[in-house]
């Protein structure tokens, strides 16, 4: 049986090794767009945190800050206004369409529409934080697929696109979490500008090619991915609230 001293030595050594990996990974992720992906592709992986782990860490932290942070992005007043303006015009149209498919769904829509604002907001928040983090994770292969299509003929394997997807989205969650936490407007602006500039710079580093072509690919990628994510999230929230 190992002594307490040996156990403590092993634990501290493991912690320091993990901490070293974390800081090296963060340094590249934050300040060297695309470098962490190129390091992994080149086989230099032992010194860095695994892509899946770094993605899950920052996505979980982001949604925790979104839910419990002092500057919540999902504000009650905004939700109340959205609920008031959207429920009344859409109520008849939505329930009529649903009634032709499933009368139970129509009844559920009427039930939600009749809820007090605080209750409907609470329902929306509960569904949002229960499903959207999983939806975003399941969209990672879709993000990688779009990259694969945009870079056909580049010789890149799908796994390499998946690495890039995990790293770039981990960075996005980290930036959004910082923006959520920082109270200074000037710093929020700087973080937002870096968030917008990061992806095309990372794409240029990882995939190469002409800068103009990279810019076009970036614009196409963001357009189709945002539309896809919005459609999937909206459909998930609607299905969860009506069906379940």
C-alpha atoms as a PDB file:
ATOM      1  CA  UNK A   1       0.000   0.000   0.000  1.00  0.00           C
ATOM      2  CA  UNK A   2       1.332   3.415  -0.948  1.00  0.00           C
ATOM      3  CA  UNK A   3       2.141   5.786   1.878  1.00  0.00           C
ATOM      4  CA  UNK A   4       0.375   9.119   2.287  1.00  0.00           C
ATOM      5  CA  UNK A   5       3.578  10.870   1.243  1.00  0.00           C
ATOM      6  CA  UNK A   6       3.811   8.858  -1.989  1.00  0.00           C
ATOM      7  CA  UNK A   7       0.130   9.460  -2.734  1.00  0.00           C
ATOM      8  CA  UNK A   8       0.507  13.215  -2.139  1.00  0.00           C
ATOM      9  CA  UNK A   9       3.609  13.330  -4.348  1.00  0.00           C
ATOM     10  CA  UNK A  10       1.811  11.509  -7.164  1.00  0.00           C
ATOM     11  CA  UNK A  11      -1.282  13.709  -6.838  1.00  0.00           C
ATOM     12  CA  UNK A  12       0.724  16.949  -6.918  1.00  0.00           C
ATOM     13  CA  UNK A  13       2.763  15.710  -9.885  1.00  0.00           C
ATOM     14  CA  UNK A  14      -0.405  14.816 -11.789  1.00  0.00           C
ATOM     15  CA  UNK A  15      -2.008  18.169 -10.934  1.00  0.00           C
ATOM     16  CA  UNK A  16       1.035  20.160 -12.039  1.00  0.00           C
ATOM     17  CA  UNK A  17       1.183  18.177 -15.300  1.00  0.00           C
ATOM     18  CA  UNK A  18      -2.500  18.809 -15.947  1.00  0.00           C
ATOM     19  CA  UNK A  19      -2.167  22.471 -15.015  1.00  0.00           C
ATOM     20  CA  UNK A  20       0.768  22.835 -17.386  1.00  0.00           C
ATOM     21  CA  UNK A  21      -1.271  21.302 -20.203  1.00  0.00           C
ATOM     22  CA  UNK A  22      -4.156  23.617 -19.429  1.00  0.00           C
ATOM     23  CA  UNK A  23      -2.091  26.811 -19.542  1.00  0.00           C
ATOM     24  CA  UNK A  24      -0.278  25.786 -22.715  1.00  0.00           C
ATOM     25  CA  UNK A  25      -3.584  24.917 -24.363  1.00  0.00           C
ATOM     26  CA  UNK A  26      -5.193  28.177 -23.232  1.00  0.00           C
ATOM     27  CA  UNK A  27      -2.278  30.269 -24.456  1.00  0.00           C
ATOM     28  CA  UNK A  28      -2.532  28.818 -27.956  1.00  0.00           C
ATOM     29  CA  UNK A  29      -6.313  28.790 -27.983  1.00  0.00           C
ATOM     30  CA  UNK A  30      -6.621  32.430 -26.945  1.00  0.00           C
ATOM     31  CA  UNK A  31      -3.756  34.120 -28.748  1.00  0.00           C
ATOM     32  CA  UNK A  32      -2.678  31.862 -31.621  1.00  0.00           C
ATOM     33  CA  UNK A  33      -5.754  31.115 -33.758  1.00  0.00           C
ATOM     34  CA  UNK A  34      -5.578  27.661 -35.314  1.00  0.00           C
ATOM     35  CA  UNK A  35      -2.231  26.781 -33.719  1.00  0.00           C
ATOM     36  CA  UNK A  36      -3.685  24.272 -31.261  1.00  0.00           C
ATOM     37  CA  UNK A  37      -5.303  22.405 -34.158  1.00  0.00           C
ATOM     38  CA  UNK A  38      -2.112  22.357 -36.212  1.00  0.00           C
ATOM     39  CA  UNK A  39      -0.192  21.053 -33.196  1.00  0.00           C
ATOM     40  CA  UNK A  40      -2.652  18.184 -32.839  1.00  0.00           C
ATOM     41  CA  UNK A  41      -2.581  17.395 -36.545  1.00  0.00           C
ATOM     42  CA  UNK A  42       1.221  17.343 -36.416  1.00  0.00           C
ATOM     43  CA  UNK A  43       1.053  14.737 -33.640  1.00  0.00           C
ATOM     44  CA  UNK A  44       2.271  16.971 -30.795  1.00  0.00           C
ATOM     45  CA  UNK A  45      -0.623  16.119 -28.490  1.00  0.00           C
ATOM     46  CA  UNK A  46       0.847  15.027 -25.165  1.00  0.00           C
ATOM     47  CA  UNK A  47       1.479  18.595 -23.968  1.00  0.00           C
ATOM     48  CA  UNK A  48      -2.106  19.811 -24.537  1.00  0.00           C
ATOM     49  CA  UNK A  49      -5.593  19.176 -23.151  1.00  0.00           C
ATOM     50  CA  UNK A  50      -7.681  16.890 -25.354  1.00  0.00           C
ATOM     51  CA  UNK A  51      -9.968  18.786 -27.802  1.00  0.00           C
ATOM     52  CA  UNK A  52     -13.173  17.153 -26.563  1.00  0.00           C
ATOM     53  CA  UNK A  53     -12.323  17.924 -22.948  1.00  0.00           C
ATOM     54  CA  UNK A  54     -11.481  21.560 -23.649  1.00  0.00           C
ATOM     55  CA  UNK A  55     -14.697  21.983 -25.648  1.00  0.00           C
ATOM     56  CA  UNK A  56     -16.865  20.432 -22.925  1.00  0.00           C
ATOM     57  CA  UNK A  57     -15.146  22.478 -20.215  1.00  0.00           C
ATOM     58  CA  UNK A  58     -15.768  25.846 -21.823  1.00  0.00           C
ATOM     59  CA  UNK A  59     -19.256  25.027 -23.087  1.00  0.00           C
ATOM     60  CA  UNK A  60     -20.337  23.898 -19.603  1.00  0.00           C
ATOM     61  CA  UNK A  61     -18.808  27.008 -18.040  1.00  0.00           C
ATOM     62  CA  UNK A  62     -20.547  29.238 -20.585  1.00  0.00           C
ATOM     63  CA  UNK A  63     -24.001  27.783 -20.003  1.00  0.00           C
ATOM     64  CA  UNK A  64     -23.436  27.884 -16.233  1.00  0.00           C
ATOM     65  CA  UNK A  65     -22.570  31.585 -16.478  1.00  0.00           C
ATOM     66  CA  UNK A  66     -25.530  32.146 -18.759  1.00  0.00           C
ATOM     67  CA  UNK A  67     -27.820  30.550 -16.209  1.00  0.00           C
ATOM     68  CA  UNK A  68     -26.361  31.787 -12.930  1.00  0.00           C
ATOM     69  CA  UNK A  69     -24.122  34.731 -13.867  1.00  0.00           C
ATOM     70  CA  UNK A  70     -24.760  38.304 -12.719  1.00  0.00           C
ATOM     71  CA  UNK A  71     -25.318  39.614 -16.269  1.00  0.00           C
ATOM     72  CA  UNK A  72     -27.656  37.014 -17.686  1.00  0.00           C
ATOM     73  CA  UNK A  73     -28.091  37.079 -21.457  1.00  0.00           C
ATOM     74  CA  UNK A  74     -31.599  35.696 -21.103  1.00  0.00           C
ATOM     75  CA  UNK A  75     -33.272  38.513 -19.218  1.00  0.00           C
ATOM     76  CA  UNK A  76     -36.740  38.246 -17.765  1.00  0.00           C
ATOM     77  CA  UNK A  77     -37.912  41.540 -19.243  1.00  0.00           C
ATOM     78  CA  UNK A  78     -36.717  40.608 -22.722  1.00  0.00           C
ATOM     79  CA  UNK A  79     -38.376  37.223 -22.490  1.00  0.00           C
ATOM     80  CA  UNK A  80     -41.589  38.733 -21.200  1.00  0.00           C
ATOM     81  CA  UNK A  81     -41.678  41.184 -24.085  1.00  0.00           C
ATOM     82  CA  UNK A  82     -40.914  38.433 -26.578  1.00  0.00           C
ATOM     83  CA  UNK A  83     -43.583  36.193 -25.082  1.00  0.00           C
ATOM     84  CA  UNK A  84     -46.196  38.967 -25.183  1.00  0.00           C
ATOM     85  CA  UNK A  85     -45.518  40.043 -28.764  1.00  0.00           C
ATOM     86  CA  UNK A  86     -45.007  36.588 -30.224  1.00  0.00           C
ATOM     87  CA  UNK A  87     -47.702  34.552 -28.509  1.00  0.00           C
ATOM     88  CA  UNK A  88     -50.738  36.613 -29.486  1.00  0.00           C
ATOM     89  CA  UNK A  89     -50.091  37.046 -33.277  1.00  0.00           C
ATOM     90  CA  UNK A  90     -48.884  33.496 -33.668  1.00  0.00           C
ATOM     91  CA  UNK A  91     -51.336  31.746 -31.421  1.00  0.00           C
ATOM     92  CA  UNK A  92     -54.131  31.201 -33.933  1.00  0.00           C
ATOM     93  CA  UNK A  93     -51.826  30.307 -36.814  1.00  0.00           C
ATOM     94  CA  UNK A  94     -49.693  27.840 -34.839  1.00  0.00           C
ATOM     95  CA  UNK A  95     -52.534  26.118 -33.058  1.00  0.00           C
ATOM     96  CA  UNK A  96     -54.529  25.786 -36.275  1.00  0.00           C
ATOM     97  CA  UNK A  97     -51.607  24.161 -38.060  1.00  0.00           C
ATOM     98  CA  UNK A  98     -50.870  21.871 -35.133  1.00  0.00           C
ATOM     99  CA  UNK A  99     -54.510  20.925 -34.771  1.00  0.00           C
ATOM    100  CA  UNK A 100     -54.473  19.354 -38.212  1.00  0.00           C
ATOM    101  CA  UNK A 101     -51.558  17.159 -37.108  1.00  0.00           C
ATOM    102  CA  UNK A 102     -52.212  16.380 -33.464  1.00  0.00           C
ATOM    103  CA  UNK A 103     -55.027  17.829 -31.332  1.00  0.00           C
ATOM    104  CA  UNK A 104     -52.965  17.222 -28.177  1.00  0.00           C
ATOM    105  CA  UNK A 105     -50.258  19.563 -29.480  1.00  0.00           C
ATOM    106  CA  UNK A 106     -52.852  22.255 -30.107  1.00  0.00           C
ATOM    107  CA  UNK A 107     -54.131  21.879 -26.559  1.00  0.00           C
ATOM    108  CA  UNK A 108     -50.570  22.145 -25.239  1.00  0.00           C
ATOM    109  CA  UNK A 109     -49.961  25.385 -27.176  1.00  0.00           C
ATOM    110  CA  UNK A 110     -53.161  26.858 -25.713  1.00  0.00           C
ATOM    111  CA  UNK A 111     -52.023  25.754 -22.256  1.00  0.00           C
ATOM    112  CA  UNK A 112     -48.625  27.446 -22.649  1.00  0.00           C
ATOM    113  CA  UNK A 113     -50.220  30.610 -24.060  1.00  0.00           C
ATOM    114  CA  UNK A 114     -52.541  30.784 -21.047  1.00  0.00           C
ATOM    115  CA  UNK A 115     -49.689  30.535 -18.524  1.00  0.00           C
ATOM    116  CA  UNK A 116     -48.687  33.575 -16.456  1.00  0.00           C
ATOM    117  CA  UNK A 117     -45.615  35.308 -17.847  1.00  0.00           C
ATOM    118  CA  UNK A 118     -43.372  34.222 -14.998  1.00  0.00           C
ATOM    119  CA  UNK A 119     -44.405  30.590 -15.461  1.00  0.00           C
ATOM    120  CA  UNK A 120     -43.905  30.610 -19.244  1.00  0.00           C
ATOM    121  CA  UNK A 121     -40.495  32.268 -18.829  1.00  0.00           C
ATOM    122  CA  UNK A 122     -39.537  29.640 -16.276  1.00  0.00           C
ATOM    123  CA  UNK A 123     -40.658  26.896 -18.657  1.00  0.00           C
ATOM    124  CA  UNK A 124     -38.629  28.388 -21.500  1.00  0.00           C
ATOM    125  CA  UNK A 125     -35.505  28.677 -19.341  1.00  0.00           C
ATOM    126  CA  UNK A 126     -35.864  25.127 -18.072  1.00  0.00           C
ATOM    127  CA  UNK A 127     -36.193  23.746 -21.600  1.00  0.00           C
ATOM    128  CA  UNK A 128     -33.387  25.956 -22.929  1.00  0.00           C
ATOM    129  CA  UNK A 129     -30.800  24.874 -20.364  1.00  0.00           C
ATOM    130  CA  UNK A 130     -31.941  21.246 -20.490  1.00  0.00           C
ATOM    131  CA  UNK A 131     -31.556  20.811 -24.247  1.00  0.00           C
ATOM    132  CA  UNK A 132     -29.508  23.545 -25.940  1.00  0.00           C
ATOM    133  CA  UNK A 133     -26.078  22.536 -24.525  1.00  0.00           C
ATOM    134  CA  UNK A 134     -26.611  19.033 -25.956  1.00  0.00           C
ATOM    135  CA  UNK A 135     -27.834  20.451 -29.259  1.00  0.00           C
ATOM    136  CA  UNK A 136     -24.704  22.585 -29.601  1.00  0.00           C
ATOM    137  CA  UNK A 137     -22.512  19.559 -28.914  1.00  0.00           C
ATOM    138  CA  UNK A 138     -24.377  17.444 -31.474  1.00  0.00           C
ATOM    139  CA  UNK A 139     -23.901  20.220 -34.029  1.00  0.00           C
ATOM    140  CA  UNK A 140     -20.109  19.857 -33.904  1.00  0.00           C
ATOM    141  CA  UNK A 141     -20.100  17.065 -36.543  1.00  0.00           C
ATOM    142  CA  UNK A 142     -22.283  19.306 -38.726  1.00  0.00           C
ATOM    143  CA  UNK A 143     -19.795  22.172 -38.368  1.00  0.00           C
ATOM    144  CA  UNK A 144     -17.013  19.756 -39.357  1.00  0.00           C
ATOM    145  CA  UNK A 145     -19.068  18.500 -42.320  1.00  0.00           C
ATOM    146  CA  UNK A 146     -19.521  22.050 -43.613  1.00  0.00           C
ATOM    147  CA  UNK A 147     -15.750  22.549 -43.362  1.00  0.00           C
ATOM    148  CA  UNK A 148     -15.210  19.297 -45.257  1.00  0.00           C
ATOM    149  CA  UNK A 149     -17.491  20.484 -48.060  1.00  0.00           C
ATOM    150  CA  UNK A 150     -15.898  23.944 -48.183  1.00  0.00           C
ATOM    151  CA  UNK A 151     -12.420  22.439 -48.417  1.00  0.00           C
ATOM    152  CA  UNK A 152     -13.070  19.588 -50.840  1.00  0.00           C
ATOM    153  CA  UNK A 153      -9.877  18.647 -52.590  1.00  0.00           C
ATOM    154  CA  UNK A 154      -7.681  19.943 -49.771  1.00  0.00           C
ATOM    155  CA  UNK A 155      -6.708  16.436 -48.696  1.00  0.00           C
ATOM    156  CA  UNK A 156      -7.909  17.068 -45.156  1.00  0.00           C
ATOM    157  CA  UNK A 157      -9.565  14.172 -43.379  1.00  0.00           C
ATOM    158  CA  UNK A 158     -12.904  14.602 -41.616  1.00  0.00           C
ATOM    159  CA  UNK A 159     -11.195  14.047 -38.256  1.00  0.00           C
ATOM    160  CA  UNK A 160      -9.019  17.107 -38.844  1.00  0.00           C
ATOM    161  CA  UNK A 161     -12.090  19.214 -39.533  1.00  0.00           C
ATOM    162  CA  UNK A 162     -13.603  17.847 -36.325  1.00  0.00           C
ATOM    163  CA  UNK A 163     -10.520  18.909 -34.379  1.00  0.00           C
ATOM    164  CA  UNK A 164     -10.832  22.412 -35.799  1.00  0.00           C
ATOM    165  CA  UNK A 165     -14.559  22.480 -34.994  1.00  0.00           C
ATOM    166  CA  UNK A 166     -13.959  21.542 -31.350  1.00  0.00           C
ATOM    167  CA  UNK A 167     -11.145  24.042 -30.868  1.00  0.00           C
ATOM    168  CA  UNK A 168     -12.839  26.971 -32.616  1.00  0.00           C
ATOM    169  CA  UNK A 169     -16.134  26.442 -30.823  1.00  0.00           C
ATOM    170  CA  UNK A 170     -14.340  26.011 -27.482  1.00  0.00           C
ATOM    171  CA  UNK A 171     -12.763  29.418 -28.108  1.00  0.00           C
ATOM    172  CA  UNK A 172     -16.174  30.895 -28.948  1.00  0.00           C
ATOM    173  CA  UNK A 173     -17.675  29.596 -25.693  1.00  0.00           C
ATOM    174  CA  UNK A 174     -14.680  30.929 -23.747  1.00  0.00           C
ATOM    175  CA  UNK A 175     -15.025  34.378 -25.296  1.00  0.00           C
ATOM    176  CA  UNK A 176     -18.785  34.485 -24.764  1.00  0.00           C
ATOM    177  CA  UNK A 177     -18.268  33.435 -21.155  1.00  0.00           C
ATOM    178  CA  UNK A 178     -15.755  36.237 -20.628  1.00  0.00           C
ATOM    179  CA  UNK A 179     -18.070  38.744 -22.293  1.00  0.00           C
ATOM    180  CA  UNK A 180     -20.826  37.523 -19.982  1.00  0.00           C
ATOM    181  CA  UNK A 181     -18.622  38.015 -16.902  1.00  0.00           C
ATOM    182  CA  UNK A 182     -16.683  41.222 -17.602  1.00  0.00           C
ATOM    183  CA  UNK A 183     -18.453  44.421 -16.490  1.00  0.00           C
ATOM    184  CA  UNK A 184     -16.395  46.861 -18.590  1.00  0.00           C
ATOM    185  CA  UNK A 185     -17.901  47.886 -21.921  1.00  0.00           C
ATOM    186  CA  UNK A 186     -14.565  48.655 -23.591  1.00  0.00           C
ATOM    187  CA  UNK A 187     -13.216  45.200 -22.748  1.00  0.00           C
ATOM    188  CA  UNK A 188     -16.429  43.538 -23.912  1.00  0.00           C
ATOM    189  CA  UNK A 189     -16.059  45.359 -27.222  1.00  0.00           C
ATOM    190  CA  UNK A 190     -12.449  44.227 -27.590  1.00  0.00           C
ATOM    191  CA  UNK A 191     -13.397  40.621 -26.784  1.00  0.00           C
ATOM    192  CA  UNK A 192     -16.254  40.707 -29.290  1.00  0.00           C
ATOM    193  CA  UNK A 193     -13.980  42.043 -32.041  1.00  0.00           C
ATOM    194  CA  UNK A 194     -11.425  39.296 -31.306  1.00  0.00           C
ATOM    195  CA  UNK A 195     -14.219  36.715 -31.389  1.00  0.00           C
ATOM    196  CA  UNK A 196     -15.297  37.931 -34.841  1.00  0.00           C
ATOM    197  CA  UNK A 197     -11.754  38.049 -36.220  1.00  0.00           C
ATOM    198  CA  UNK A 198     -10.602  34.750 -34.728  1.00  0.00           C
ATOM    199  CA  UNK A 199     -12.257  32.190 -36.993  1.00  0.00           C
ATOM    200  CA  UNK A 200     -11.030  33.453 -40.396  1.00  0.00           C
ATOM    201  CA  UNK A 201      -7.506  33.845 -38.979  1.00  0.00           C
ATOM    202  CA  UNK A 202      -7.648  30.292 -37.610  1.00  0.00           C
ATOM    203  CA  UNK A 203      -8.958  28.960 -40.933  1.00  0.00           C
ATOM    204  CA  UNK A 204      -6.100  30.678 -42.768  1.00  0.00           C
ATOM    205  CA  UNK A 205      -3.512  29.140 -40.429  1.00  0.00           C
ATOM    206  CA  UNK A 206      -4.933  25.612 -40.540  1.00  0.00           C
ATOM    207  CA  UNK A 207      -6.043  25.331 -44.167  1.00  0.00           C
ATOM    208  CA  UNK A 208      -3.892  27.894 -45.960  1.00  0.00           C
ATOM    209  CA  UNK A 209      -4.881  29.257 -49.376  1.00  0.00           C
ATOM    210  CA  UNK A 210      -5.599  32.774 -50.537  1.00  0.00           C
ATOM    211  CA  UNK A 211      -6.939  35.187 -47.930  1.00  0.00           C
ATOM    212  CA  UNK A 212      -9.832  36.203 -50.180  1.00  0.00           C
ATOM    213  CA  UNK A 213     -10.859  32.560 -50.614  1.00  0.00           C
ATOM    214  CA  UNK A 214     -10.616  32.069 -46.857  1.00  0.00           C
ATOM    215  CA  UNK A 215     -12.836  35.094 -46.308  1.00  0.00           C
ATOM    216  CA  UNK A 216     -15.453  33.742 -48.712  1.00  0.00           C
ATOM    217  CA  UNK A 217     -15.370  30.313 -47.066  1.00  0.00           C
ATOM    218  CA  UNK A 218     -15.686  31.938 -43.644  1.00  0.00           C
ATOM    219  CA  UNK A 219     -18.734  33.937 -44.745  1.00  0.00           C
ATOM    220  CA  UNK A 220     -20.399  30.859 -46.250  1.00  0.00           C
ATOM    221  CA  UNK A 221     -19.572  28.729 -43.194  1.00  0.00           C
ATOM    222  CA  UNK A 222     -20.978  31.238 -40.724  1.00  0.00           C
ATOM    223  CA  UNK A 223     -24.119  31.824 -42.792  1.00  0.00           C
ATOM    224  CA  UNK A 224     -25.082  28.182 -43.198  1.00  0.00           C
ATOM    225  CA  UNK A 225     -24.032  27.187 -39.683  1.00  0.00           C
ATOM    226  CA  UNK A 226     -25.942  30.013 -37.978  1.00  0.00           C
ATOM    227  CA  UNK A 227     -29.050  29.174 -40.027  1.00  0.00           C
ATOM    228  CA  UNK A 228     -28.662  25.471 -39.196  1.00  0.00           C
ATOM    229  CA  UNK A 229     -28.093  26.096 -35.494  1.00  0.00           C
ATOM    230  CA  UNK A 230     -31.021  28.527 -35.264  1.00  0.00           C
ATOM    231  CA  UNK A 231     -33.360  26.091 -37.020  1.00  0.00           C
ATOM    232  CA  UNK A 232     -32.293  23.107 -34.910  1.00  0.00           C
ATOM    233  CA  UNK A 233     -32.461  25.019 -31.617  1.00  0.00           C
ATOM    234  CA  UNK A 234     -35.862  26.516 -32.470  1.00  0.00           C
ATOM    235  CA  UNK A 235     -37.211  23.121 -33.487  1.00  0.00           C
ATOM    236  CA  UNK A 236     -35.836  21.510 -30.340  1.00  0.00           C
ATOM    237  CA  UNK A 237     -37.308  24.141 -28.032  1.00  0.00           C
ATOM    238  CA  UNK A 238     -40.664  23.954 -29.780  1.00  0.00           C
ATOM    239  CA  UNK A 239     -40.774  20.154 -29.728  1.00  0.00           C
ATOM    240  CA  UNK A 240     -39.697  20.019 -26.080  1.00  0.00           C
ATOM    241  CA  UNK A 241     -42.328  22.525 -24.989  1.00  0.00           C
ATOM    242  CA  UNK A 242     -45.198  21.136 -27.044  1.00  0.00           C
ATOM    243  CA  UNK A 243     -44.559  17.412 -27.290  1.00  0.00           C
ATOM    244  CA  UNK A 244     -43.016  16.807 -23.900  1.00  0.00           C
END
